[in-house]
């Protein structure tokens, strides 16, 4: 969050320690108010403007914190897997966490419904061939040799926290291998598994992309091992 603010020359409203304390206070108050399950907390910096121009005031961004109960995907998403639809789009300032979701909105209005899919995965606009990232998640693919591949941090995708967790737990496992490499749409037939990962979902198997069934069309063993590794990481955090 602070990296993103710095990247767009935004002055945060407070330092990390103060924000951490504030969020702990927010969680405690919601617990006292009756929330007992996991919470979804949106923390937003919004820059104040100077007059009628787009120049920032220089007095620091405004802070907004929205809290609601976390509603994860239904159990069948993890047990049976989900389908994705491709959409040619690259987010503005891809390495910055922004609140511009126009690509996701357009994808859900068009290709997602057209392919009866769960969500959308973005494909690089110049050629429509290179897979980038999902609308709000990172994508991973498993080749026939059991190696996990994920698009690299080349300035076109977000360096998401959950992506880092997947890389960490898989790399530390010893029996699984993972690497960053470009993934092309025409390579889908050679992948035996695929999955997505995000903070609000953890790891979800992907069994179809557009009309192409991934592997055997069911969640595979590598995906299930990664699901367990991430779940264990979260429980032990």
C-alpha atoms as a PDB file:
ATOM      1  CA  UNK A   1       0.000   0.000   0.000  1.00  0.00           C
ATOM      2  CA  UNK A   2       2.779   2.418   0.886  1.00  0.00           C
ATOM      3  CA  UNK A   3       4.713   1.418  -2.214  1.00  0.00           C
ATOM      4  CA  UNK A   4       1.650   2.171  -4.345  1.00  0.00           C
ATOM      5  CA  UNK A   5       1.225   5.552  -2.681  1.00  0.00           C
ATOM      6  CA  UNK A   6       4.865   6.390  -3.318  1.00  0.00           C
ATOM      7  CA  UNK A   7       4.638   5.292  -6.949  1.00  0.00           C
ATOM      8  CA  UNK A   8       1.888   7.839  -7.659  1.00  0.00           C
ATOM      9  CA  UNK A   9       3.471  10.553  -5.468  1.00  0.00           C
ATOM     10  CA  UNK A  10       0.764  10.340  -2.810  1.00  0.00           C
ATOM     11  CA  UNK A  11       1.553  11.353   0.761  1.00  0.00           C
ATOM     12  CA  UNK A  12       0.084   8.740   3.164  1.00  0.00           C
ATOM     13  CA  UNK A  13      -2.090  10.089   5.977  1.00  0.00           C
ATOM     14  CA  UNK A  14      -0.024   8.278   8.650  1.00  0.00           C
ATOM     15  CA  UNK A  15       2.937   5.956   9.021  1.00  0.00           C
ATOM     16  CA  UNK A  16       2.747   2.171   8.965  1.00  0.00           C
ATOM     17  CA  UNK A  17       2.850   1.688  12.735  1.00  0.00           C
ATOM     18  CA  UNK A  18      -0.023   4.097  13.336  1.00  0.00           C
ATOM     19  CA  UNK A  19      -2.090   2.466  10.597  1.00  0.00           C
ATOM     20  CA  UNK A  20      -1.369  -0.994  12.008  1.00  0.00           C
ATOM     21  CA  UNK A  21      -2.545   0.133  15.455  1.00  0.00           C
ATOM     22  CA  UNK A  22      -5.644   1.731  13.959  1.00  0.00           C
ATOM     23  CA  UNK A  23      -6.578  -1.434  12.069  1.00  0.00           C
ATOM     24  CA  UNK A  24      -6.142  -3.515  15.218  1.00  0.00           C
ATOM     25  CA  UNK A  25      -8.535  -1.117  16.934  1.00  0.00           C
ATOM     26  CA  UNK A  26     -11.029  -1.425  14.065  1.00  0.00           C
ATOM     27  CA  UNK A  27     -10.919  -5.222  14.267  1.00  0.00           C
ATOM     28  CA  UNK A  28     -11.398  -5.173  18.027  1.00  0.00           C
ATOM     29  CA  UNK A  29     -14.419  -2.870  17.793  1.00  0.00           C
ATOM     30  CA  UNK A  30     -16.010  -5.084  15.152  1.00  0.00           C
ATOM     31  CA  UNK A  31     -15.397  -8.144  17.318  1.00  0.00           C
ATOM     32  CA  UNK A  32     -17.082  -6.380  20.208  1.00  0.00           C
ATOM     33  CA  UNK A  33     -19.920  -5.467  17.857  1.00  0.00           C
ATOM     34  CA  UNK A  34     -20.674  -9.110  17.081  1.00  0.00           C
ATOM     35  CA  UNK A  35     -18.500 -10.051  14.077  1.00  0.00           C
ATOM     36  CA  UNK A  36     -16.996 -13.440  14.894  1.00  0.00           C
ATOM     37  CA  UNK A  37     -15.909 -14.801  11.498  1.00  0.00           C
ATOM     38  CA  UNK A  38     -13.152 -13.578   9.182  1.00  0.00           C
ATOM     39  CA  UNK A  39     -13.387  -9.931   8.207  1.00  0.00           C
ATOM     40  CA  UNK A  40     -12.781  -8.295   4.852  1.00  0.00           C
ATOM     41  CA  UNK A  41     -11.110  -4.938   5.506  1.00  0.00           C
ATOM     42  CA  UNK A  42     -10.665  -2.466   2.658  1.00  0.00           C
ATOM     43  CA  UNK A  43      -8.053   0.168   3.460  1.00  0.00           C
ATOM     44  CA  UNK A  44      -8.064   3.082   1.023  1.00  0.00           C
ATOM     45  CA  UNK A  45      -5.836   6.128   0.603  1.00  0.00           C
ATOM     46  CA  UNK A  46      -7.553   8.884  -1.377  1.00  0.00           C
ATOM     47  CA  UNK A  47      -5.533  11.986  -2.227  1.00  0.00           C
ATOM     48  CA  UNK A  48      -6.981  15.366  -1.369  1.00  0.00           C
ATOM     49  CA  UNK A  49      -6.905  17.878  -4.229  1.00  0.00           C
ATOM     50  CA  UNK A  50      -5.817  21.503  -4.184  1.00  0.00           C
ATOM     51  CA  UNK A  51      -8.751  23.597  -5.385  1.00  0.00           C
ATOM     52  CA  UNK A  52     -10.180  22.693  -8.785  1.00  0.00           C
ATOM     53  CA  UNK A  53      -6.935  21.298 -10.178  1.00  0.00           C
ATOM     54  CA  UNK A  54      -5.660  17.720 -10.144  1.00  0.00           C
ATOM     55  CA  UNK A  55      -2.728  18.856  -8.017  1.00  0.00           C
ATOM     56  CA  UNK A  56      -2.696  17.124  -4.634  1.00  0.00           C
ATOM     57  CA  UNK A  57      -3.006  19.312  -1.563  1.00  0.00           C
ATOM     58  CA  UNK A  58       0.291  18.123  -0.080  1.00  0.00           C
ATOM     59  CA  UNK A  59      -1.410  17.632   3.285  1.00  0.00           C
ATOM     60  CA  UNK A  60      -1.619  13.858   3.012  1.00  0.00           C
ATOM     61  CA  UNK A  61      -4.226  11.512   1.615  1.00  0.00           C
ATOM     62  CA  UNK A  62      -7.543  10.785   3.259  1.00  0.00           C
ATOM     63  CA  UNK A  63      -7.945   7.371   4.896  1.00  0.00           C
ATOM     64  CA  UNK A  64     -11.045   5.212   4.523  1.00  0.00           C
ATOM     65  CA  UNK A  65     -11.510   1.825   6.184  1.00  0.00           C
ATOM     66  CA  UNK A  66     -14.505  -0.324   5.217  1.00  0.00           C
ATOM     67  CA  UNK A  67     -15.253  -3.536   7.124  1.00  0.00           C
ATOM     68  CA  UNK A  68     -17.552  -6.413   6.263  1.00  0.00           C
ATOM     69  CA  UNK A  69     -17.686 -10.135   6.866  1.00  0.00           C
ATOM     70  CA  UNK A  70     -15.578 -12.105   4.428  1.00  0.00           C
ATOM     71  CA  UNK A  71     -17.677 -14.219   2.067  1.00  0.00           C
ATOM     72  CA  UNK A  72     -15.379 -16.762   0.362  1.00  0.00           C
ATOM     73  CA  UNK A  73     -16.278 -18.633  -2.818  1.00  0.00           C
ATOM     74  CA  UNK A  74     -18.708 -21.547  -2.329  1.00  0.00           C
ATOM     75  CA  UNK A  75     -17.239 -24.954  -1.392  1.00  0.00           C
ATOM     76  CA  UNK A  76     -17.870 -26.323  -4.889  1.00  0.00           C
ATOM     77  CA  UNK A  77     -15.419 -23.776  -6.312  1.00  0.00           C
ATOM     78  CA  UNK A  78     -12.614 -25.446  -4.345  1.00  0.00           C
ATOM     79  CA  UNK A  79     -13.903 -28.985  -4.845  1.00  0.00           C
ATOM     80  CA  UNK A  80     -14.787 -28.822  -8.552  1.00  0.00           C
ATOM     81  CA  UNK A  81     -12.815 -25.827  -9.818  1.00  0.00           C
ATOM     82  CA  UNK A  82     -13.938 -22.762 -11.769  1.00  0.00           C
ATOM     83  CA  UNK A  83     -13.859 -21.478 -15.334  1.00  0.00           C
ATOM     84  CA  UNK A  84     -12.194 -18.264 -16.522  1.00  0.00           C
ATOM     85  CA  UNK A  85     -12.785 -16.140 -19.617  1.00  0.00           C
ATOM     86  CA  UNK A  86     -10.002 -14.226 -21.355  1.00  0.00           C
ATOM     87  CA  UNK A  87     -10.287 -10.474 -21.867  1.00  0.00           C
ATOM     88  CA  UNK A  88      -7.793  -8.315 -23.730  1.00  0.00           C
ATOM     89  CA  UNK A  89      -6.819  -5.687 -21.182  1.00  0.00           C
ATOM     90  CA  UNK A  90      -3.886  -4.423 -19.138  1.00  0.00           C
ATOM     91  CA  UNK A  91      -4.503  -2.419 -15.994  1.00  0.00           C
ATOM     92  CA  UNK A  92      -3.313   1.183 -15.710  1.00  0.00           C
ATOM     93  CA  UNK A  93      -0.056   1.280 -13.695  1.00  0.00           C
ATOM     94  CA  UNK A  94      -0.151  -2.528 -13.276  1.00  0.00           C
ATOM     95  CA  UNK A  95       2.374  -2.597 -10.422  1.00  0.00           C
ATOM     96  CA  UNK A  96       0.278  -0.156  -8.355  1.00  0.00           C
ATOM     97  CA  UNK A  97      -2.764  -1.216  -6.340  1.00  0.00           C
ATOM     98  CA  UNK A  98      -5.451   1.117  -7.698  1.00  0.00           C
ATOM     99  CA  UNK A  99      -9.239   1.193  -7.433  1.00  0.00           C
ATOM    100  CA  UNK A 100      -9.754   1.335 -11.196  1.00  0.00           C
ATOM    101  CA  UNK A 101     -11.683  -1.844 -12.067  1.00  0.00           C
ATOM    102  CA  UNK A 102     -13.070  -0.817 -15.449  1.00  0.00           C
ATOM    103  CA  UNK A 103     -11.388  -3.787 -17.150  1.00  0.00           C
ATOM    104  CA  UNK A 104     -12.954  -6.238 -14.724  1.00  0.00           C
ATOM    105  CA  UNK A 105     -16.344  -4.579 -15.062  1.00  0.00           C
ATOM    106  CA  UNK A 106     -16.286  -4.727 -18.853  1.00  0.00           C
ATOM    107  CA  UNK A 107     -15.075  -8.326 -18.772  1.00  0.00           C
ATOM    108  CA  UNK A 108     -17.916  -9.382 -16.486  1.00  0.00           C
ATOM    109  CA  UNK A 109     -20.425  -7.618 -18.726  1.00  0.00           C
ATOM    110  CA  UNK A 110     -19.140  -9.442 -21.822  1.00  0.00           C
ATOM    111  CA  UNK A 111     -16.796 -12.451 -21.883  1.00  0.00           C
ATOM    112  CA  UNK A 112     -17.498 -13.788 -18.396  1.00  0.00           C
ATOM    113  CA  UNK A 113     -21.212 -14.178 -19.057  1.00  0.00           C
ATOM    114  CA  UNK A 114     -20.541 -15.312 -22.621  1.00  0.00           C
ATOM    115  CA  UNK A 115     -18.373 -18.213 -21.455  1.00  0.00           C
ATOM    116  CA  UNK A 116     -20.433 -18.966 -18.342  1.00  0.00           C
ATOM    117  CA  UNK A 117     -17.273 -18.296 -16.357  1.00  0.00           C
ATOM    118  CA  UNK A 118     -16.490 -17.439 -12.760  1.00  0.00           C
ATOM    119  CA  UNK A 119     -14.202 -14.504 -13.546  1.00  0.00           C
ATOM    120  CA  UNK A 120     -11.858 -13.021 -16.139  1.00  0.00           C
ATOM    121  CA  UNK A 121      -8.159 -13.351 -16.854  1.00  0.00           C
ATOM    122  CA  UNK A 122      -6.468 -10.506 -18.728  1.00  0.00           C
ATOM    123  CA  UNK A 123      -4.465 -11.022 -21.902  1.00  0.00           C
ATOM    124  CA  UNK A 124      -1.839  -8.538 -23.115  1.00  0.00           C
ATOM    125  CA  UNK A 125      -3.424  -5.973 -25.502  1.00  0.00           C
ATOM    126  CA  UNK A 126      -0.651  -5.655 -28.125  1.00  0.00           C
ATOM    127  CA  UNK A 127      -0.959  -9.223 -29.395  1.00  0.00           C
ATOM    128  CA  UNK A 128      -3.758 -10.864 -27.382  1.00  0.00           C
ATOM    129  CA  UNK A 129      -1.515 -13.849 -26.726  1.00  0.00           C
ATOM    130  CA  UNK A 130       0.301 -13.384 -23.404  1.00  0.00           C
ATOM    131  CA  UNK A 131      -1.638 -14.158 -20.224  1.00  0.00           C
ATOM    132  CA  UNK A 132      -1.143 -11.482 -17.563  1.00  0.00           C
ATOM    133  CA  UNK A 133      -3.294 -11.774 -14.419  1.00  0.00           C
ATOM    134  CA  UNK A 134      -6.874 -12.126 -13.311  1.00  0.00           C
ATOM    135  CA  UNK A 135      -9.230  -9.243 -12.633  1.00  0.00           C
ATOM    136  CA  UNK A 136      -8.395  -9.427  -8.908  1.00  0.00           C
ATOM    137  CA  UNK A 137      -6.074 -12.430  -8.657  1.00  0.00           C
ATOM    138  CA  UNK A 138      -2.851 -14.040  -9.874  1.00  0.00           C
ATOM    139  CA  UNK A 139      -2.860 -17.090 -12.160  1.00  0.00           C
ATOM    140  CA  UNK A 140      -0.656 -20.189 -12.029  1.00  0.00           C
ATOM    141  CA  UNK A 141      -0.249 -23.087 -14.441  1.00  0.00           C
ATOM    142  CA  UNK A 142       1.134 -26.609 -14.007  1.00  0.00           C
ATOM    143  CA  UNK A 143       2.885 -28.251 -16.965  1.00  0.00           C
ATOM    144  CA  UNK A 144       2.975 -31.950 -17.756  1.00  0.00           C
ATOM    145  CA  UNK A 145       6.192 -32.301 -15.745  1.00  0.00           C
ATOM    146  CA  UNK A 146       4.497 -30.976 -12.615  1.00  0.00           C
ATOM    147  CA  UNK A 147       6.301 -27.620 -12.640  1.00  0.00           C
ATOM    148  CA  UNK A 148       4.285 -24.546 -11.641  1.00  0.00           C
ATOM    149  CA  UNK A 149       4.558 -21.453 -13.856  1.00  0.00           C
ATOM    150  CA  UNK A 150       3.270 -17.944 -13.176  1.00  0.00           C
ATOM    151  CA  UNK A 151       3.612 -14.722 -15.224  1.00  0.00           C
ATOM    152  CA  UNK A 152       6.711 -12.707 -14.223  1.00  0.00           C
ATOM    153  CA  UNK A 153       6.852  -9.312 -12.544  1.00  0.00           C
ATOM    154  CA  UNK A 154       7.803  -7.502 -15.734  1.00  0.00           C
ATOM    155  CA  UNK A 155       5.823  -4.320 -15.092  1.00  0.00           C
ATOM    156  CA  UNK A 156       2.578  -5.700 -16.504  1.00  0.00           C
ATOM    157  CA  UNK A 157       1.060  -7.371 -13.423  1.00  0.00           C
ATOM    158  CA  UNK A 158       0.619  -6.622  -9.731  1.00  0.00           C
ATOM    159  CA  UNK A 159       3.137  -7.938  -7.213  1.00  0.00           C
ATOM    160  CA  UNK A 160       0.336  -9.264  -5.027  1.00  0.00           C
ATOM    161  CA  UNK A 161       0.822 -10.382  -1.432  1.00  0.00           C
ATOM    162  CA  UNK A 162      -0.916 -13.733  -2.037  1.00  0.00           C
ATOM    163  CA  UNK A 163       1.303 -14.328  -5.065  1.00  0.00           C
ATOM    164  CA  UNK A 164       4.306 -13.872  -2.796  1.00  0.00           C
ATOM    165  CA  UNK A 165       2.861 -16.343  -0.295  1.00  0.00           C
ATOM    166  CA  UNK A 166       2.358 -18.993  -2.989  1.00  0.00           C
ATOM    167  CA  UNK A 167       5.924 -18.524  -4.238  1.00  0.00           C
ATOM    168  CA  UNK A 168       7.234 -18.731  -0.662  1.00  0.00           C
ATOM    169  CA  UNK A 169       5.389 -21.842   0.476  1.00  0.00           C
ATOM    170  CA  UNK A 170       5.960 -23.733  -2.776  1.00  0.00           C
ATOM    171  CA  UNK A 171       9.657 -22.847  -2.931  1.00  0.00           C
ATOM    172  CA  UNK A 172      10.076 -23.945   0.675  1.00  0.00           C
ATOM    173  CA  UNK A 173       8.270 -27.232   0.174  1.00  0.00           C
ATOM    174  CA  UNK A 174      11.115 -29.068  -1.512  1.00  0.00           C
ATOM    175  CA  UNK A 175       9.020 -31.483  -3.552  1.00  0.00           C
ATOM    176  CA  UNK A 176       7.404 -28.830  -5.779  1.00  0.00           C
ATOM    177  CA  UNK A 177       9.025 -26.458  -8.243  1.00  0.00           C
ATOM    178  CA  UNK A 178       7.799 -23.040  -9.305  1.00  0.00           C
ATOM    179  CA  UNK A 179       9.181 -20.366 -11.596  1.00  0.00           C
ATOM    180  CA  UNK A 180       8.167 -17.117 -13.232  1.00  0.00           C
ATOM    181  CA  UNK A 181       7.809 -17.303 -17.005  1.00  0.00           C
ATOM    182  CA  UNK A 182       5.589 -15.792 -19.716  1.00  0.00           C
ATOM    183  CA  UNK A 183       2.538 -17.925 -20.461  1.00  0.00           C
ATOM    184  CA  UNK A 184       0.864 -17.818 -23.883  1.00  0.00           C
ATOM    185  CA  UNK A 185      -2.730 -18.704 -24.705  1.00  0.00           C
ATOM    186  CA  UNK A 186      -1.656 -21.229 -27.326  1.00  0.00           C
ATOM    187  CA  UNK A 187       0.236 -23.117 -24.602  1.00  0.00           C
ATOM    188  CA  UNK A 188      -2.916 -23.978 -22.648  1.00  0.00           C
ATOM    189  CA  UNK A 189      -3.210 -27.504 -24.135  1.00  0.00           C
ATOM    190  CA  UNK A 190       0.146 -28.453 -22.617  1.00  0.00           C
ATOM    191  CA  UNK A 191      -0.859 -27.572 -19.075  1.00  0.00           C
ATOM    192  CA  UNK A 192      -2.290 -30.289 -16.851  1.00  0.00           C
ATOM    193  CA  UNK A 193      -3.575 -27.938 -14.128  1.00  0.00           C
ATOM    194  CA  UNK A 194      -4.202 -24.294 -13.364  1.00  0.00           C
ATOM    195  CA  UNK A 195      -5.241 -22.298 -10.339  1.00  0.00           C
ATOM    196  CA  UNK A 196      -5.791 -18.739  -9.173  1.00  0.00           C
ATOM    197  CA  UNK A 197      -4.815 -17.095  -5.896  1.00  0.00           C
ATOM    198  CA  UNK A 198      -5.969 -13.996  -4.050  1.00  0.00           C
ATOM    199  CA  UNK A 199      -6.387 -12.702  -0.513  1.00  0.00           C
ATOM    200  CA  UNK A 200     -10.149 -13.244  -0.401  1.00  0.00           C
ATOM    201  CA  UNK A 201     -10.062 -16.674  -2.065  1.00  0.00           C
ATOM    202  CA  UNK A 202      -6.706 -18.251  -1.164  1.00  0.00           C
ATOM    203  CA  UNK A 203      -6.157 -20.897  -3.902  1.00  0.00           C
ATOM    204  CA  UNK A 204      -8.953 -21.959  -6.262  1.00  0.00           C
ATOM    205  CA  UNK A 205      -8.543 -24.597  -9.022  1.00  0.00           C
ATOM    206  CA  UNK A 206      -9.180 -23.510 -12.616  1.00  0.00           C
ATOM    207  CA  UNK A 207     -10.562 -26.229 -14.890  1.00  0.00           C
ATOM    208  CA  UNK A 208     -11.469 -24.272 -18.047  1.00  0.00           C
ATOM    209  CA  UNK A 209     -10.330 -21.109 -19.826  1.00  0.00           C
ATOM    210  CA  UNK A 210     -12.762 -19.929 -22.509  1.00  0.00           C
ATOM    211  CA  UNK A 211     -13.606 -23.157 -24.355  1.00  0.00           C
ATOM    212  CA  UNK A 212     -10.340 -24.912 -23.499  1.00  0.00           C
ATOM    213  CA  UNK A 213     -10.534 -27.529 -20.745  1.00  0.00           C
ATOM    214  CA  UNK A 214      -7.418 -27.507 -18.577  1.00  0.00           C
ATOM    215  CA  UNK A 215      -5.923 -30.990 -18.227  1.00  0.00           C
ATOM    216  CA  UNK A 216      -8.573 -33.536 -17.289  1.00  0.00           C
ATOM    217  CA  UNK A 217     -11.072 -30.846 -16.278  1.00  0.00           C
ATOM    218  CA  UNK A 218     -10.847 -31.540 -12.539  1.00  0.00           C
ATOM    219  CA  UNK A 219      -8.634 -30.089  -9.785  1.00  0.00           C
ATOM    220  CA  UNK A 220      -5.277 -31.818  -9.944  1.00  0.00           C
ATOM    221  CA  UNK A 221      -2.858 -33.110  -7.295  1.00  0.00           C
ATOM    222  CA  UNK A 222      -0.380 -30.227  -7.552  1.00  0.00           C
ATOM    223  CA  UNK A 223      -3.144 -27.666  -7.131  1.00  0.00           C
ATOM    224  CA  UNK A 224      -4.502 -29.504  -4.094  1.00  0.00           C
ATOM    225  CA  UNK A 225      -1.039 -29.579  -2.512  1.00  0.00           C
ATOM    226  CA  UNK A 226      -0.645 -25.840  -3.040  1.00  0.00           C
ATOM    227  CA  UNK A 227      -4.111 -25.263  -1.577  1.00  0.00           C
ATOM    228  CA  UNK A 228      -3.063 -27.125   1.577  1.00  0.00           C
ATOM    229  CA  UNK A 229       0.284 -25.342   1.811  1.00  0.00           C
ATOM    230  CA  UNK A 230      -1.395 -21.933   1.662  1.00  0.00           C
ATOM    231  CA  UNK A 231      -4.117 -22.961   4.122  1.00  0.00           C
ATOM    232  CA  UNK A 232      -1.462 -24.245   6.541  1.00  0.00           C
ATOM    233  CA  UNK A 233       0.479 -20.998   6.159  1.00  0.00           C
ATOM    234  CA  UNK A 234      -2.584 -18.926   7.014  1.00  0.00           C
ATOM    235  CA  UNK A 235      -3.547 -21.067  10.009  1.00  0.00           C
ATOM    236  CA  UNK A 236      -0.023 -20.842  11.378  1.00  0.00           C
ATOM    237  CA  UNK A 237       0.545 -17.159  10.651  1.00  0.00           C
END
